[in-house]
Amino acid sequence: QICVVFSKELKCWCRAIIKSIMSCTDYYLVECFLVDYAKYIYVKSKDIRIAEDKFMQIPYRAKQCGLYRTKPVTLHINFCEDTAKIIPAKRWDCAAAQYFQSLLK
């Protein structure tokens, strides 16, 4: 579902796709993908609004995508054996994401 959410980091209202909803003690936390900034953020449910039709007709500036057959890896260092090798990882770490973004630029 596409809606409008308030991003405290960007200090503005942004178009977003709702990914998941988590229940907290006294509010709901919603994970959203900002379609114009290509960022994932968490917002409280009170900071979500229904978008007007004219606002939704503007083309998105970002699209979700994935790299075909590209898997995350990490460097595993064994201090006892004094070796290092690259092994599969469960998710991308910050350094790998920053390196990939620098390659795109």
N, C-alpha and C. Protein backbone atom coordinates (compact mmCIF):
# COMPACT_ATOMS: atom_id res chain seq x y z
N GLN A 1 0.85 -1.18 0.00
CA GLN A 1 0.00 0.00 0.00
C GLN A 1 0.89 1.24 0.00
N ILE A 2 0.57 2.19 -0.85
CA ILE A 2 1.34 3.42 -0.93
C ILE A 2 0.63 4.50 -0.11
N CYS A 3 1.41 5.23 0.66
CA CYS A 3 0.87 6.26 1.52
C CYS A 3 1.89 7.39 1.64
N VAL A 4 1.61 8.34 2.51
CA VAL A 4 2.54 9.44 2.78
C VAL A 4 2.94 9.35 4.24
N VAL A 5 4.24 9.42 4.51
CA VAL A 5 4.75 9.33 5.88
C VAL A 5 5.64 10.54 6.17
N PHE A 6 5.74 10.90 7.45
CA PHE A 6 6.61 12.00 7.84
C PHE A 6 7.96 11.43 8.28
N SER A 7 9.02 11.86 7.60
CA SER A 7 10.38 11.44 7.94
C SER A 7 11.01 12.50 8.83
N LYS A 8 11.36 12.12 10.06
CA LYS A 8 12.00 13.07 10.97
C LYS A 8 13.40 13.42 10.50
N GLU A 9 14.08 12.45 9.87
CA GLU A 9 15.44 12.68 9.37
C GLU A 9 15.43 13.71 8.23
N LEU A 10 14.51 13.55 7.29
CA LEU A 10 14.42 14.45 6.14
C LEU A 10 13.59 15.70 6.45
N LYS A 11 12.82 15.65 7.53
CA LYS A 11 11.96 16.74 7.97
C LYS A 11 10.94 17.14 6.91
N CYS A 12 10.32 16.12 6.29
CA CYS A 12 9.30 16.39 5.29
C CYS A 12 8.41 15.16 5.13
N TRP A 13 7.30 15.35 4.42
CA TRP A 13 6.40 14.27 4.10
C TRP A 13 6.89 13.59 2.84
N CYS A 14 6.89 12.26 2.81
CA CYS A 14 7.43 11.48 1.69
C CYS A 14 6.45 10.38 1.30
N ARG A 15 6.46 10.03 0.02
CA ARG A 15 5.67 8.89 -0.44
C ARG A 15 6.39 7.61 -0.03
N ALA A 16 5.62 6.62 0.39
CA ALA A 16 6.23 5.39 0.90
C ALA A 16 5.35 4.18 0.62
N ILE A 17 6.01 3.03 0.59
CA ILE A 17 5.32 1.75 0.51
C ILE A 17 5.48 1.08 1.86
N ILE A 18 4.37 0.65 2.43
CA ILE A 18 4.40 -0.01 3.74
C ILE A 18 4.90 -1.43 3.56
N LYS A 19 5.93 -1.81 4.33
CA LYS A 19 6.51 -3.15 4.24
C LYS A 19 6.04 -4.05 5.38
N SER A 20 6.05 -3.53 6.61
CA SER A 20 5.64 -4.35 7.74
C SER A 20 5.18 -3.45 8.88
N ILE A 21 4.42 -4.04 9.80
CA ILE A 21 3.90 -3.32 10.96
C ILE A 21 4.25 -4.11 12.21
N MET A 22 4.82 -3.40 13.20
CA MET A 22 5.18 -4.03 14.47
C MET A 22 4.42 -3.35 15.60
N SER A 23 3.94 -4.14 16.53
CA SER A 23 3.23 -3.61 17.67
C SER A 23 4.21 -3.34 18.80
N CYS A 24 4.19 -2.11 19.31
CA CYS A 24 5.00 -1.75 20.48
C CYS A 24 4.06 -1.59 21.67
N THR A 25 4.58 -1.12 22.76
CA THR A 25 3.80 -1.03 23.99
C THR A 25 2.54 -0.20 23.82
N ASP A 26 2.69 1.04 23.34
CA ASP A 26 1.52 1.92 23.24
C ASP A 26 1.32 2.53 21.84
N TYR A 27 2.01 1.99 20.85
CA TYR A 27 1.85 2.47 19.48
C TYR A 27 2.30 1.39 18.51
N TYR A 28 2.07 1.63 17.21
CA TYR A 28 2.53 0.72 16.17
C TYR A 28 3.69 1.37 15.43
N LEU A 29 4.71 0.57 15.11
CA LEU A 29 5.87 1.03 14.35
C LEU A 29 5.78 0.40 12.97
N VAL A 30 5.89 1.23 11.93
CA VAL A 30 5.69 0.78 10.57
C VAL A 30 6.99 0.93 9.79
N GLU A 31 7.43 -0.17 9.12
CA GLU A 31 8.60 -0.11 8.26
C GLU A 31 8.12 0.31 6.87
N CYS A 32 8.76 1.36 6.32
CA CYS A 32 8.35 1.90 5.03
C CYS A 32 9.55 2.05 4.10
N PHE A 33 9.29 1.91 2.80
CA PHE A 33 10.29 2.19 1.77
C PHE A 33 9.93 3.51 1.12
N LEU A 34 10.81 4.50 1.21
CA LEU A 34 10.56 5.80 0.61
C LEU A 34 10.84 5.72 -0.88
N VAL A 35 9.81 5.87 -1.70
CA VAL A 35 9.95 5.65 -3.14
C VAL A 35 10.69 6.76 -3.85
N ASP A 36 10.89 7.89 -3.22
CA ASP A 36 11.64 8.99 -3.84
C ASP A 36 13.06 9.11 -3.31
N TYR A 37 13.38 8.38 -2.23
CA TYR A 37 14.70 8.48 -1.63
C TYR A 37 15.42 7.14 -1.55
N ALA A 38 14.75 6.06 -1.90
CA ALA A 38 15.32 4.70 -1.86
C ALA A 38 15.88 4.38 -0.48
N LYS A 39 15.12 4.69 0.55
CA LYS A 39 15.54 4.42 1.92
C LYS A 39 14.44 3.67 2.65
N TYR A 40 14.85 2.84 3.59
CA TYR A 40 13.92 2.19 4.50
C TYR A 40 13.94 2.96 5.81
N ILE A 41 12.77 3.29 6.32
CA ILE A 41 12.69 3.98 7.61
C ILE A 41 11.57 3.36 8.44
N TYR A 42 11.60 3.63 9.72
CA TYR A 42 10.54 3.24 10.64
C TYR A 42 9.84 4.50 11.11
N VAL A 43 8.51 4.49 11.07
CA VAL A 43 7.73 5.62 11.53
C VAL A 43 6.60 5.11 12.43
N LYS A 44 6.14 5.98 13.30
CA LYS A 44 4.99 5.63 14.12
C LYS A 44 3.74 5.73 13.26
N SER A 45 2.76 4.94 13.61
CA SER A 45 1.53 4.90 12.80
C SER A 45 0.82 6.24 12.76
N LYS A 46 1.03 7.09 13.77
CA LYS A 46 0.39 8.41 13.78
C LYS A 46 0.99 9.34 12.73
N ASP A 47 2.16 8.99 12.17
CA ASP A 47 2.82 9.82 11.16
C ASP A 47 2.56 9.32 9.73
N ILE A 48 1.45 8.60 9.54
CA ILE A 48 1.10 8.07 8.22
C ILE A 48 -0.22 8.69 7.78
N ARG A 49 -0.27 9.09 6.50
CA ARG A 49 -1.48 9.69 5.93
C ARG A 49 -1.81 9.03 4.60
N ILE A 50 -3.06 9.15 4.19
CA ILE A 50 -3.47 8.69 2.86
C ILE A 50 -3.06 9.75 1.86
N ALA A 51 -2.50 9.32 0.76
CA ALA A 51 -2.01 10.26 -0.25
C ALA A 51 -3.14 10.69 -1.18
N GLU A 52 -3.08 11.94 -1.61
CA GLU A 52 -4.04 12.43 -2.60
C GLU A 52 -3.65 11.90 -3.97
N ASP A 53 -4.62 11.78 -4.84
CA ASP A 53 -4.39 11.21 -6.17
C ASP A 53 -3.36 12.00 -6.97
N LYS A 54 -3.41 13.32 -6.92
CA LYS A 54 -2.47 14.15 -7.69
C LYS A 54 -1.03 13.92 -7.21
N PHE A 55 -0.87 13.72 -5.92
CA PHE A 55 0.45 13.49 -5.34
C PHE A 55 1.02 12.16 -5.80
N MET A 56 0.15 11.17 -5.99
CA MET A 56 0.60 9.84 -6.38
C MET A 56 0.87 9.72 -7.87
N GLN A 57 0.41 10.68 -8.69
CA GLN A 57 0.63 10.62 -10.13
C GLN A 57 2.03 11.05 -10.54
N ILE A 58 2.77 11.67 -9.65
CA ILE A 58 4.15 12.05 -9.94
C ILE A 58 4.99 10.78 -10.01
N PRO A 59 5.82 10.60 -11.05
CA PRO A 59 6.64 9.37 -11.15
C PRO A 59 7.59 9.24 -9.96
N TYR A 60 7.82 8.00 -9.55
CA TYR A 60 8.75 7.74 -8.45
C TYR A 60 10.17 8.02 -8.91
N ARG A 61 11.00 8.52 -8.00
CA ARG A 61 12.40 8.78 -8.32
C ARG A 61 13.29 7.58 -8.03
N ALA A 62 12.78 6.62 -7.27
CA ALA A 62 13.58 5.45 -6.91
C ALA A 62 12.73 4.20 -7.07
N LYS A 63 13.39 3.10 -7.37
CA LYS A 63 12.71 1.82 -7.48
C LYS A 63 13.47 0.79 -6.67
N GLN A 64 12.74 -0.13 -6.07
CA GLN A 64 13.39 -1.23 -5.37
C GLN A 64 13.95 -2.18 -6.41
N CYS A 65 15.12 -2.67 -6.16
CA CYS A 65 15.71 -3.61 -7.10
C CYS A 65 16.66 -4.53 -6.35
N GLY A 66 17.07 -5.57 -7.00
CA GLY A 66 18.03 -6.50 -6.44
C GLY A 66 19.06 -6.85 -7.49
N LEU A 67 20.19 -7.29 -7.06
CA LEU A 67 21.25 -7.70 -7.98
C LEU A 67 21.09 -9.18 -8.24
N TYR A 68 20.92 -9.54 -9.48
CA TYR A 68 20.67 -10.93 -9.86
C TYR A 68 21.85 -11.81 -9.49
N ARG A 69 21.58 -12.83 -8.72
CA ARG A 69 22.54 -13.85 -8.31
C ARG A 69 23.75 -13.28 -7.55
N THR A 70 23.59 -12.14 -6.92
CA THR A 70 24.66 -11.55 -6.12
C THR A 70 24.33 -11.80 -4.65
N LYS A 71 25.23 -12.43 -3.96
CA LYS A 71 25.01 -12.78 -2.55
C LYS A 71 25.98 -11.98 -1.67
N PRO A 72 25.57 -11.64 -0.45
CA PRO A 72 26.48 -10.93 0.44
C PRO A 72 27.58 -11.87 0.97
N VAL A 73 28.77 -11.32 1.15
CA VAL A 73 29.88 -12.08 1.72
C VAL A 73 30.53 -11.25 2.82
N THR A 74 31.31 -11.89 3.65
CA THR A 74 32.03 -11.21 4.71
C THR A 74 33.41 -11.82 4.85
N LEU A 75 34.29 -11.09 5.46
CA LEU A 75 35.65 -11.57 5.68
C LEU A 75 35.72 -12.24 7.05
N HIS A 76 36.12 -13.52 7.06
CA HIS A 76 36.26 -14.28 8.31
C HIS A 76 37.74 -14.40 8.63
N ILE A 77 38.13 -13.88 9.78
CA ILE A 77 39.54 -13.91 10.20
C ILE A 77 39.69 -14.89 11.35
N ASN A 78 40.62 -15.84 11.19
CA ASN A 78 40.94 -16.80 12.23
C ASN A 78 42.30 -16.42 12.80
N PHE A 79 42.31 -15.86 13.99
CA PHE A 79 43.55 -15.39 14.61
C PHE A 79 44.44 -16.55 15.05
N CYS A 80 43.83 -17.66 15.42
CA CYS A 80 44.63 -18.81 15.87
C CYS A 80 45.45 -19.39 14.73
N GLU A 81 44.84 -19.51 13.55
CA GLU A 81 45.54 -20.09 12.40
C GLU A 81 46.20 -19.02 11.53
N ASP A 82 45.98 -17.74 11.88
CA ASP A 82 46.54 -16.62 11.13
C ASP A 82 46.11 -16.67 9.65
N THR A 83 44.77 -16.85 9.44
CA THR A 83 44.23 -16.92 8.08
C THR A 83 43.02 -16.00 7.96
N ALA A 84 42.71 -15.66 6.73
CA ALA A 84 41.51 -14.88 6.43
C ALA A 84 40.90 -15.41 5.15
N LYS A 85 39.57 -15.55 5.15
CA LYS A 85 38.91 -16.01 3.93
C LYS A 85 37.53 -15.37 3.84
N ILE A 86 37.03 -15.28 2.62
CA ILE A 86 35.71 -14.71 2.37
C ILE A 86 34.69 -15.84 2.43
N ILE A 87 33.64 -15.62 3.24
CA ILE A 87 32.59 -16.62 3.41
C ILE A 87 31.23 -15.97 3.15
N PRO A 88 30.19 -16.77 2.83
CA PRO A 88 28.84 -16.21 2.64
C PRO A 88 28.32 -15.59 3.94
N ALA A 89 27.56 -14.51 3.79
CA ALA A 89 26.97 -13.83 4.94
C ALA A 89 25.45 -13.87 4.81
N LYS A 90 24.75 -13.64 5.91
CA LYS A 90 23.29 -13.64 5.90
C LYS A 90 22.74 -12.33 5.33
N ARG A 91 23.46 -11.22 5.51
CA ARG A 91 22.98 -9.93 5.03
C ARG A 91 24.15 -9.02 4.71
N TRP A 92 23.88 -7.96 3.96
CA TRP A 92 24.92 -7.00 3.57
C TRP A 92 25.29 -6.16 4.79
N ASP A 93 26.59 -5.94 4.99
CA ASP A 93 26.99 -5.05 6.08
C ASP A 93 27.12 -3.63 5.54
N CYS A 94 27.30 -2.67 6.43
CA CYS A 94 27.33 -1.25 6.04
C CYS A 94 28.49 -0.94 5.09
N ALA A 95 29.65 -1.53 5.34
CA ALA A 95 30.82 -1.25 4.51
C ALA A 95 30.59 -1.73 3.07
N ALA A 96 29.98 -2.88 2.90
CA ALA A 96 29.71 -3.41 1.56
C ALA A 96 28.70 -2.53 0.84
N ALA A 97 27.67 -2.08 1.54
CA ALA A 97 26.66 -1.22 0.92
C ALA A 97 27.27 0.12 0.50
N GLN A 98 28.13 0.70 1.35
CA GLN A 98 28.79 1.97 1.01
C GLN A 98 29.73 1.79 -0.17
N TYR A 99 30.44 0.67 -0.21
CA TYR A 99 31.36 0.40 -1.33
C TYR A 99 30.58 0.27 -2.64
N PHE A 100 29.45 -0.44 -2.59
CA PHE A 100 28.63 -0.62 -3.78
C PHE A 100 28.07 0.73 -4.26
N GLN A 101 27.64 1.59 -3.32
CA GLN A 101 27.13 2.90 -3.69
C GLN A 101 28.21 3.76 -4.32
N SER A 102 29.44 3.64 -3.83
CA SER A 102 30.53 4.41 -4.42
C SER A 102 30.84 3.92 -5.83
N LEU A 103 30.68 2.62 -6.09
CA LEU A 103 30.88 2.09 -7.44
C LEU A 103 29.82 2.63 -8.41
N LEU A 104 28.59 2.77 -7.93
CA LEU A 104 27.52 3.28 -8.77
C LEU A 104 27.73 4.75 -9.13
N LYS A 105 28.32 5.50 -8.21
CA LYS A 105 28.56 6.93 -8.47
C LYS A 105 29.65 7.07 -9.51
